[in-house]
Amino acid sequence: MSELYAYTDGACSGNPGPGGWGVLLRALDDDGKIAKQRELKGGEPDTTNNRMELLAAINALESLSRPSTLTVVTDSAYVKNGVTGWIFGWKKNGWKTSARKPVKNVDLWMRLDEAQVRHQVTWKWIKGHAGHAENEKADELARAGMAPFKPKKSKS
């Protein structure tokens, strides 16, 4: 039985601005060695950092072809707190906040909620840009996903 981890990150150049998301999926064997690894990335021309963080988690879960038990590791307190806490109240309130305002990024929160239903997910938050190798790789993938959408620097 292998352990499955999804390290996710989002990046944005400006907020809003061009953005990217990245995922490092890693399966460990019984000895804790890497058995399989997959990298995912993507981006959008005009987005926010929070949307990219959400899309990283969504794409990690949606990329799994069968129901899985996994740990999603994110450096986004927004994603971690939202999916493990806030979302229950939002759903109960018809996707409104406790202040009765519409939930921001509701399209992605609904998609994330749907994506995690078929899996057994443990959500873990880690500090970003703190030398965590897998988080740094996810950040690198997010920046690579954003690259095609960043304006080209003009040569003057």
N, C-alpha and C. Protein backbone atom coordinates (compact mmCIF):
# COMPACT_ATOMS: atom_id res chain seq x y z
N MET A 1 0.86 -1.19 0.00
CA MET A 1 0.00 0.00 0.00
C MET A 1 0.89 1.24 0.00
N SER A 2 0.78 2.04 -1.03
CA SER A 2 1.61 3.23 -1.09
C SER A 2 0.87 4.41 -0.47
N GLU A 3 1.65 5.40 -0.04
CA GLU A 3 1.09 6.65 0.45
C GLU A 3 1.12 7.64 -0.69
N LEU A 4 0.05 8.42 -0.81
CA LEU A 4 -0.06 9.38 -1.90
C LEU A 4 -0.10 10.79 -1.33
N TYR A 5 0.71 11.67 -1.93
CA TYR A 5 0.78 13.07 -1.52
C TYR A 5 0.60 13.95 -2.75
N ALA A 6 -0.10 15.06 -2.56
CA ALA A 6 -0.22 16.08 -3.60
C ALA A 6 0.26 17.39 -2.98
N TYR A 7 1.36 17.90 -3.49
CA TYR A 7 1.90 19.18 -3.05
C TYR A 7 1.41 20.22 -4.05
N THR A 8 0.70 21.22 -3.57
CA THR A 8 0.05 22.17 -4.47
C THR A 8 0.50 23.60 -4.19
N ASP A 9 0.50 24.42 -5.24
CA ASP A 9 0.83 25.82 -5.06
C ASP A 9 0.25 26.63 -6.21
N GLY A 10 0.01 27.91 -5.92
CA GLY A 10 -0.45 28.85 -6.92
C GLY A 10 0.49 30.05 -6.94
N ALA A 11 0.52 30.73 -8.07
CA ALA A 11 1.38 31.91 -8.21
C ALA A 11 0.63 32.94 -9.06
N CYS A 12 0.92 34.20 -8.80
CA CYS A 12 0.29 35.26 -9.56
C CYS A 12 1.29 36.41 -9.71
N SER A 13 1.33 37.02 -10.89
CA SER A 13 2.18 38.18 -11.12
C SER A 13 1.25 39.38 -11.15
N GLY A 14 1.14 40.05 -10.01
CA GLY A 14 0.07 41.02 -9.82
C GLY A 14 -1.10 40.24 -9.25
N ASN A 15 -2.01 40.90 -8.60
CA ASN A 15 -3.14 40.20 -8.00
C ASN A 15 -4.37 41.10 -8.08
N PRO A 16 -5.09 41.11 -9.21
CA PRO A 16 -5.06 40.12 -10.29
C PRO A 16 -3.94 40.37 -11.31
N GLY A 17 -3.75 39.33 -12.09
CA GLY A 17 -2.75 39.35 -13.14
C GLY A 17 -2.60 37.95 -13.70
N PRO A 18 -1.57 37.73 -14.52
CA PRO A 18 -1.33 36.38 -15.01
C PRO A 18 -1.00 35.46 -13.84
N GLY A 19 -1.51 34.24 -13.89
CA GLY A 19 -1.28 33.31 -12.78
C GLY A 19 -1.04 31.89 -13.25
N GLY A 20 -0.54 31.09 -12.32
CA GLY A 20 -0.30 29.68 -12.62
C GLY A 20 -0.50 28.83 -11.38
N TRP A 21 -0.71 27.54 -11.62
CA TRP A 21 -0.84 26.58 -10.54
C TRP A 21 0.06 25.39 -10.83
N GLY A 22 0.52 24.75 -9.77
CA GLY A 22 1.40 23.60 -9.94
C GLY A 22 1.08 22.53 -8.90
N VAL A 23 1.30 21.28 -9.32
CA VAL A 23 1.04 20.13 -8.45
C VAL A 23 2.18 19.13 -8.63
N LEU A 24 2.71 18.68 -7.51
CA LEU A 24 3.64 17.56 -7.50
C LEU A 24 2.91 16.41 -6.82
N LEU A 25 2.56 15.39 -7.61
CA LEU A 25 1.91 14.19 -7.08
C LEU A 25 3.00 13.14 -6.85
N ARG A 26 2.97 12.58 -5.65
CA ARG A 26 4.03 11.62 -5.32
C ARG A 26 3.44 10.44 -4.55
N ALA A 27 3.73 9.24 -5.04
CA ALA A 27 3.35 8.01 -4.34
C ALA A 27 4.62 7.42 -3.73
N LEU A 28 4.54 7.10 -2.45
CA LEU A 28 5.67 6.50 -1.74
C LEU A 28 5.38 5.02 -1.51
N ASP A 29 6.41 4.20 -1.64
CA ASP A 29 6.24 2.77 -1.37
C ASP A 29 6.28 2.51 0.14
N ASP A 30 6.19 1.24 0.52
CA ASP A 30 6.16 0.88 1.94
C ASP A 30 7.41 1.30 2.70
N ASP A 31 8.50 1.49 1.97
CA ASP A 31 9.76 1.91 2.60
C ASP A 31 9.92 3.43 2.61
N GLY A 32 8.89 4.15 2.13
CA GLY A 32 8.96 5.60 2.11
C GLY A 32 9.74 6.16 0.94
N LYS A 33 10.08 5.29 -0.02
CA LYS A 33 10.80 5.75 -1.22
C LYS A 33 9.79 6.13 -2.30
N ILE A 34 10.20 7.03 -3.19
CA ILE A 34 9.31 7.47 -4.26
C ILE A 34 9.07 6.31 -5.23
N ALA A 35 7.80 5.91 -5.34
CA ALA A 35 7.42 4.84 -6.27
C ALA A 35 7.00 5.42 -7.61
N LYS A 36 6.26 6.53 -7.56
CA LYS A 36 5.78 7.20 -8.77
C LYS A 36 5.69 8.68 -8.48
N GLN A 37 5.86 9.47 -9.55
CA GLN A 37 5.75 10.91 -9.40
C GLN A 37 5.19 11.50 -10.69
N ARG A 38 4.35 12.50 -10.53
CA ARG A 38 3.77 13.18 -11.69
C ARG A 38 3.71 14.67 -11.39
N GLU A 39 3.93 15.48 -12.42
CA GLU A 39 3.89 16.93 -12.28
C GLU A 39 2.78 17.48 -13.17
N LEU A 40 2.01 18.42 -12.61
CA LEU A 40 0.93 19.06 -13.34
C LEU A 40 1.09 20.57 -13.22
N LYS A 41 0.68 21.29 -14.26
CA LYS A 41 0.74 22.75 -14.18
C LYS A 41 -0.22 23.34 -15.19
N GLY A 42 -0.60 24.59 -14.94
CA GLY A 42 -1.47 25.31 -15.84
C GLY A 42 -1.51 26.76 -15.42
N GLY A 43 -2.25 27.55 -16.17
CA GLY A 43 -2.33 28.96 -15.82
C GLY A 43 -3.44 29.67 -16.56
N GLU A 44 -3.59 30.95 -16.23
CA GLU A 44 -4.61 31.80 -16.84
C GLU A 44 -4.03 33.20 -17.01
N PRO A 45 -4.55 33.94 -18.01
CA PRO A 45 -3.99 35.27 -18.26
C PRO A 45 -4.38 36.34 -17.24
N ASP A 46 -5.55 36.19 -16.61
CA ASP A 46 -6.03 37.23 -15.70
C ASP A 46 -6.76 36.57 -14.53
N THR A 47 -6.09 36.47 -13.40
CA THR A 47 -6.63 35.70 -12.28
C THR A 47 -6.09 36.25 -10.97
N THR A 48 -6.35 35.53 -9.89
CA THR A 48 -5.83 35.92 -8.58
C THR A 48 -5.05 34.76 -7.98
N ASN A 49 -4.24 35.07 -7.00
CA ASN A 49 -3.47 34.05 -6.32
C ASN A 49 -4.38 33.00 -5.68
N ASN A 50 -5.46 33.45 -5.03
CA ASN A 50 -6.37 32.49 -4.38
C ASN A 50 -7.00 31.54 -5.38
N ARG A 51 -7.36 32.04 -6.55
CA ARG A 51 -7.93 31.15 -7.58
C ARG A 51 -6.89 30.12 -8.04
N MET A 52 -5.66 30.53 -8.16
CA MET A 52 -4.62 29.59 -8.58
C MET A 52 -4.35 28.54 -7.50
N GLU A 53 -4.36 28.95 -6.23
CA GLU A 53 -4.20 27.99 -5.13
C GLU A 53 -5.33 26.96 -5.16
N LEU A 54 -6.56 27.43 -5.38
CA LEU A 54 -7.70 26.52 -5.46
C LEU A 54 -7.57 25.58 -6.66
N LEU A 55 -7.18 26.13 -7.82
CA LEU A 55 -7.06 25.29 -9.02
C LEU A 55 -5.97 24.23 -8.87
N ALA A 56 -4.93 24.53 -8.14
CA ALA A 56 -3.89 23.52 -7.90
C ALA A 56 -4.49 22.34 -7.15
N ALA A 57 -5.23 22.61 -6.08
CA ALA A 57 -5.85 21.53 -5.30
C ALA A 57 -6.88 20.76 -6.13
N ILE A 58 -7.70 21.50 -6.89
CA ILE A 58 -8.73 20.88 -7.73
C ILE A 58 -8.08 19.95 -8.75
N ASN A 59 -7.06 20.45 -9.45
CA ASN A 59 -6.42 19.63 -10.48
C ASN A 59 -5.72 18.42 -9.90
N ALA A 60 -5.17 18.55 -8.71
CA ALA A 60 -4.56 17.39 -8.05
C ALA A 60 -5.61 16.30 -7.85
N LEU A 61 -6.76 16.67 -7.32
CA LEU A 61 -7.82 15.69 -7.04
C LEU A 61 -8.46 15.16 -8.31
N GLU A 62 -8.72 16.04 -9.27
CA GLU A 62 -9.37 15.62 -10.51
C GLU A 62 -8.46 14.75 -11.39
N SER A 63 -7.16 14.83 -11.18
CA SER A 63 -6.23 14.06 -12.01
C SER A 63 -6.17 12.59 -11.61
N LEU A 64 -6.70 12.26 -10.45
CA LEU A 64 -6.64 10.88 -9.96
C LEU A 64 -7.75 10.06 -10.62
N SER A 65 -7.36 8.97 -11.27
CA SER A 65 -8.33 8.20 -12.05
C SER A 65 -9.24 7.32 -11.21
N ARG A 66 -8.86 7.07 -9.96
CA ARG A 66 -9.73 6.25 -9.10
C ARG A 66 -9.75 6.84 -7.69
N PRO A 67 -10.77 6.48 -6.92
CA PRO A 67 -10.84 6.98 -5.53
C PRO A 67 -9.55 6.65 -4.79
N SER A 68 -9.01 7.63 -4.09
CA SER A 68 -7.71 7.48 -3.45
C SER A 68 -7.73 8.05 -2.03
N THR A 69 -6.79 7.58 -1.25
CA THR A 69 -6.52 8.16 0.06
C THR A 69 -5.24 8.96 -0.11
N LEU A 70 -5.29 10.25 0.18
CA LEU A 70 -4.12 11.07 -0.05
C LEU A 70 -4.06 12.23 0.93
N THR A 71 -2.88 12.81 1.01
CA THR A 71 -2.65 14.02 1.78
C THR A 71 -2.36 15.14 0.79
N VAL A 72 -3.16 16.21 0.87
CA VAL A 72 -2.91 17.39 0.05
C VAL A 72 -2.16 18.38 0.94
N VAL A 73 -0.97 18.76 0.48
CA VAL A 73 -0.12 19.68 1.22
C VAL A 73 -0.13 21.02 0.50
N THR A 74 -0.58 22.07 1.19
CA THR A 74 -0.70 23.40 0.59
C THR A 74 -0.05 24.44 1.50
N ASP A 75 0.44 25.50 0.90
CA ASP A 75 0.95 26.61 1.70
C ASP A 75 -0.10 27.73 1.77
N SER A 76 -1.32 27.41 1.34
CA SER A 76 -2.41 28.38 1.35
C SER A 76 -3.35 28.13 2.52
N ALA A 77 -3.30 29.03 3.51
CA ALA A 77 -4.23 28.94 4.64
C ALA A 77 -5.66 29.12 4.12
N TYR A 78 -5.83 29.92 3.08
CA TYR A 78 -7.15 30.15 2.47
C TYR A 78 -7.77 28.82 2.02
N VAL A 79 -6.99 28.00 1.29
CA VAL A 79 -7.49 26.71 0.82
C VAL A 79 -7.71 25.77 2.00
N LYS A 80 -6.71 25.63 2.85
CA LYS A 80 -6.80 24.68 3.98
C LYS A 80 -7.96 25.03 4.91
N ASN A 81 -8.05 26.30 5.33
CA ASN A 81 -9.13 26.70 6.24
C ASN A 81 -10.49 26.64 5.56
N GLY A 82 -10.51 26.98 4.29
CA GLY A 82 -11.78 26.95 3.55
C GLY A 82 -12.34 25.55 3.42
N VAL A 83 -11.50 24.61 3.01
CA VAL A 83 -11.99 23.26 2.72
C VAL A 83 -12.20 22.42 3.99
N THR A 84 -11.51 22.77 5.07
CA THR A 84 -11.67 21.99 6.31
C THR A 84 -12.61 22.65 7.31
N GLY A 85 -13.04 23.88 7.02
CA GLY A 85 -13.88 24.57 7.99
C GLY A 85 -14.99 25.40 7.38
N TRP A 86 -14.61 26.49 6.73
CA TRP A 86 -15.58 27.47 6.24
C TRP A 86 -16.63 26.87 5.30
N ILE A 87 -16.21 25.91 4.48
CA ILE A 87 -17.08 25.39 3.42
C ILE A 87 -18.38 24.79 3.97
N PHE A 88 -18.33 24.24 5.18
CA PHE A 88 -19.53 23.61 5.75
C PHE A 88 -20.61 24.66 6.01
N GLY A 89 -20.22 25.80 6.56
CA GLY A 89 -21.16 26.90 6.78
C GLY A 89 -21.63 27.51 5.48
N TRP A 90 -20.72 27.67 4.53
CA TRP A 90 -21.09 28.23 3.24
C TRP A 90 -22.18 27.39 2.57
N LYS A 91 -21.98 26.08 2.56
CA LYS A 91 -22.95 25.19 1.93
C LYS A 91 -24.30 25.27 2.65
N LYS A 92 -24.26 25.28 3.98
CA LYS A 92 -25.48 25.36 4.78
C LYS A 92 -26.22 26.67 4.51
N ASN A 93 -25.46 27.74 4.27
CA ASN A 93 -26.03 29.07 4.02
C ASN A 93 -26.27 29.35 2.54
N GLY A 94 -26.28 28.31 1.71
CA GLY A 94 -26.50 28.53 0.27
C GLY A 94 -25.35 29.25 -0.39
N TRP A 95 -24.13 28.89 -0.02
CA TRP A 95 -22.90 29.48 -0.55
C TRP A 95 -22.83 30.99 -0.27
N LYS A 96 -23.24 31.35 0.94
CA LYS A 96 -23.08 32.71 1.44
C LYS A 96 -22.20 32.66 2.69
N THR A 97 -21.49 33.75 2.93
CA THR A 97 -20.65 33.84 4.13
C THR A 97 -21.54 34.08 5.34
N SER A 98 -20.94 34.06 6.52
CA SER A 98 -21.72 34.34 7.74
C SER A 98 -22.28 35.75 7.71
N ALA A 99 -21.68 36.64 6.94
CA ALA A 99 -22.19 38.01 6.78
C ALA A 99 -23.23 38.08 5.65
N ARG A 100 -23.66 36.91 5.15
CA ARG A 100 -24.67 36.80 4.09
C ARG A 100 -24.22 37.37 2.75
N LYS A 101 -22.91 37.46 2.55
CA LYS A 101 -22.35 37.91 1.27
C LYS A 101 -22.02 36.66 0.44
N PRO A 102 -22.06 36.80 -0.89
CA PRO A 102 -21.68 35.65 -1.72
C PRO A 102 -20.22 35.24 -1.45
N VAL A 103 -19.97 33.94 -1.44
CA VAL A 103 -18.62 33.42 -1.25
C VAL A 103 -17.79 33.78 -2.47
N LYS A 104 -16.60 34.34 -2.24
CA LYS A 104 -15.69 34.64 -3.35
C LYS A 104 -15.18 33.32 -3.92
N ASN A 105 -15.01 33.28 -5.23
CA ASN A 105 -14.50 32.10 -5.94
C ASN A 105 -15.42 30.89 -5.77
N VAL A 106 -16.72 31.14 -5.65
CA VAL A 106 -17.67 30.06 -5.37
C VAL A 106 -17.62 28.96 -6.42
N ASP A 107 -17.36 29.33 -7.69
CA ASP A 107 -17.27 28.32 -8.74
C ASP A 107 -16.18 27.30 -8.43
N LEU A 108 -15.05 27.78 -7.95
CA LEU A 108 -13.94 26.87 -7.64
C LEU A 108 -14.15 26.14 -6.32
N TRP A 109 -14.76 26.79 -5.33
CA TRP A 109 -15.06 26.09 -4.07
C TRP A 109 -16.02 24.94 -4.32
N MET A 110 -17.02 25.14 -5.18
CA MET A 110 -17.97 24.08 -5.50
C MET A 110 -17.26 22.94 -6.24
N ARG A 111 -16.37 23.32 -7.13
CA ARG A 111 -15.62 22.30 -7.89
C ARG A 111 -14.69 21.52 -6.97
N LEU A 112 -14.04 22.21 -6.03
CA LEU A 112 -13.15 21.53 -5.07
C LEU A 112 -13.96 20.59 -4.18
N ASP A 113 -15.11 21.06 -3.72
CA ASP A 113 -15.98 20.24 -2.88
C ASP A 113 -16.37 18.96 -3.62
N GLU A 114 -16.74 19.09 -4.88
CA GLU A 114 -17.11 17.94 -5.71
C GLU A 114 -15.91 17.02 -5.96
N ALA A 115 -14.75 17.61 -6.20
CA ALA A 115 -13.55 16.83 -6.52
C ALA A 115 -13.08 15.98 -5.35
N GLN A 116 -13.31 16.45 -4.13
CA GLN A 116 -12.80 15.69 -2.99
C GLN A 116 -13.75 14.61 -2.50
N VAL A 117 -15.00 14.62 -2.97
CA VAL A 117 -16.01 13.69 -2.48
C VAL A 117 -15.59 12.23 -2.64
N ARG A 118 -14.99 11.89 -3.76
CA ARG A 118 -14.67 10.47 -4.00
C ARG A 118 -13.35 10.02 -3.39
N HIS A 119 -12.66 10.93 -2.74
CA HIS A 119 -11.37 10.60 -2.13
C HIS A 119 -11.44 10.72 -0.61
N GLN A 120 -10.48 10.11 0.05
CA GLN A 120 -10.28 10.33 1.48
C GLN A 120 -9.08 11.27 1.57
N VAL A 121 -9.36 12.54 1.88
CA VAL A 121 -8.32 13.56 1.81
C VAL A 121 -7.98 14.06 3.21
N THR A 122 -6.69 14.11 3.50
CA THR A 122 -6.18 14.82 4.66
C THR A 122 -5.55 16.09 4.14
N TRP A 123 -5.91 17.22 4.73
CA TRP A 123 -5.39 18.52 4.30
C TRP A 123 -4.32 18.96 5.28
N LYS A 124 -3.17 19.36 4.75
CA LYS A 124 -2.07 19.80 5.60
C LYS A 124 -1.54 21.14 5.10
N TRP A 125 -1.36 22.08 6.02
CA TRP A 125 -0.79 23.38 5.68
C TRP A 125 0.68 23.39 6.08
N ILE A 126 1.51 23.95 5.21
CA ILE A 126 2.92 24.19 5.53
C ILE A 126 3.26 25.62 5.16
N LYS A 127 4.26 26.16 5.80
CA LYS A 127 4.72 27.51 5.49
C LYS A 127 5.40 27.49 4.12
N GLY A 128 5.00 28.42 3.26
CA GLY A 128 5.58 28.52 1.93
C GLY A 128 6.93 29.20 1.95
N HIS A 129 7.73 28.91 0.95
CA HIS A 129 9.05 29.52 0.78
C HIS A 129 9.91 29.36 2.04
N ALA A 130 9.83 28.17 2.62
CA ALA A 130 10.56 27.90 3.86
C ALA A 130 11.51 26.72 3.67
N GLY A 131 11.89 26.45 2.42
CA GLY A 131 12.86 25.40 2.15
C GLY A 131 12.28 23.99 2.09
N HIS A 132 10.97 23.86 2.03
CA HIS A 132 10.32 22.55 1.92
C HIS A 132 10.43 22.14 0.44
N ALA A 133 11.23 21.13 0.15
CA ALA A 133 11.59 20.78 -1.24
C ALA A 133 10.37 20.55 -2.14
N GLU A 134 9.38 19.83 -1.66
CA GLU A 134 8.21 19.53 -2.49
C GLU A 134 7.37 20.78 -2.73
N ASN A 135 7.27 21.64 -1.73
CA ASN A 135 6.54 22.89 -1.89
C ASN A 135 7.27 23.80 -2.87
N GLU A 136 8.60 23.81 -2.80
CA GLU A 136 9.39 24.61 -3.75
C GLU A 136 9.18 24.11 -5.17
N LYS A 137 9.08 22.78 -5.34
CA LYS A 137 8.83 22.20 -6.67
C LYS A 137 7.45 22.60 -7.17
N ALA A 138 6.44 22.55 -6.29
CA ALA A 138 5.09 22.96 -6.68
C ALA A 138 5.08 24.43 -7.08
N ASP A 139 5.83 25.26 -6.36
CA ASP A 139 5.95 26.68 -6.69
C ASP A 139 6.60 26.86 -8.05
N GLU A 140 7.64 26.10 -8.31
CA GLU A 140 8.33 26.15 -9.61
C GLU A 140 7.36 25.77 -10.73
N LEU A 141 6.54 24.74 -10.52
CA LEU A 141 5.55 24.32 -11.51
C LEU A 141 4.50 25.41 -11.72
N ALA A 142 4.07 26.05 -10.62
CA ALA A 142 3.09 27.13 -10.73
C ALA A 142 3.64 28.29 -11.55
N ARG A 143 4.90 28.64 -11.29
CA ARG A 143 5.52 29.73 -12.06
C ARG A 143 5.67 29.33 -13.53
N ALA A 144 5.97 28.06 -13.78
CA ALA A 144 6.06 27.58 -15.17
C ALA A 144 4.68 27.60 -15.84
N GLY A 145 3.63 27.30 -15.07
CA GLY A 145 2.27 27.36 -15.60
C GLY A 145 1.84 28.78 -15.93
N MET A 146 2.38 29.74 -15.19
CA MET A 146 2.05 31.14 -15.40
C MET A 146 2.84 31.73 -16.58
N ALA A 147 4.02 31.22 -16.85
CA ALA A 147 4.95 31.81 -17.82
C ALA A 147 4.34 32.15 -19.18
N PRO A 148 3.53 31.27 -19.77
CA PRO A 148 2.98 31.62 -21.10
C PRO A 148 2.04 32.82 -21.08
N PHE A 149 1.56 33.20 -19.90
CA PHE A 149 0.59 34.29 -19.81
C PHE A 149 1.20 35.61 -19.39
N LYS A 150 2.47 35.58 -19.01
CA LYS A 150 3.14 36.81 -18.60
C LYS A 150 3.51 37.61 -19.83
N PRO A 151 3.36 38.95 -19.76
CA PRO A 151 3.74 39.78 -20.90
C PRO A 151 5.23 39.62 -21.19
N LYS A 152 5.55 39.60 -22.45
CA LYS A 152 6.95 39.50 -22.85
C LYS A 152 7.63 40.84 -22.60
N LYS A 153 8.84 40.80 -22.09
CA LYS A 153 9.60 42.03 -21.86
C LYS A 153 10.06 42.56 -23.22
N SER A 154 9.84 43.85 -23.46
CA SER A 154 10.28 44.42 -24.74
C SER A 154 11.76 44.75 -24.67
N LYS A 155 12.41 44.55 -25.78
CA LYS A 155 13.84 44.88 -25.87
C LYS A 155 13.94 46.31 -26.38
N SER A 156 14.47 47.19 -25.52
CA SER A 156 14.57 48.59 -25.96
C SER A 156 15.99 49.02 -26.10
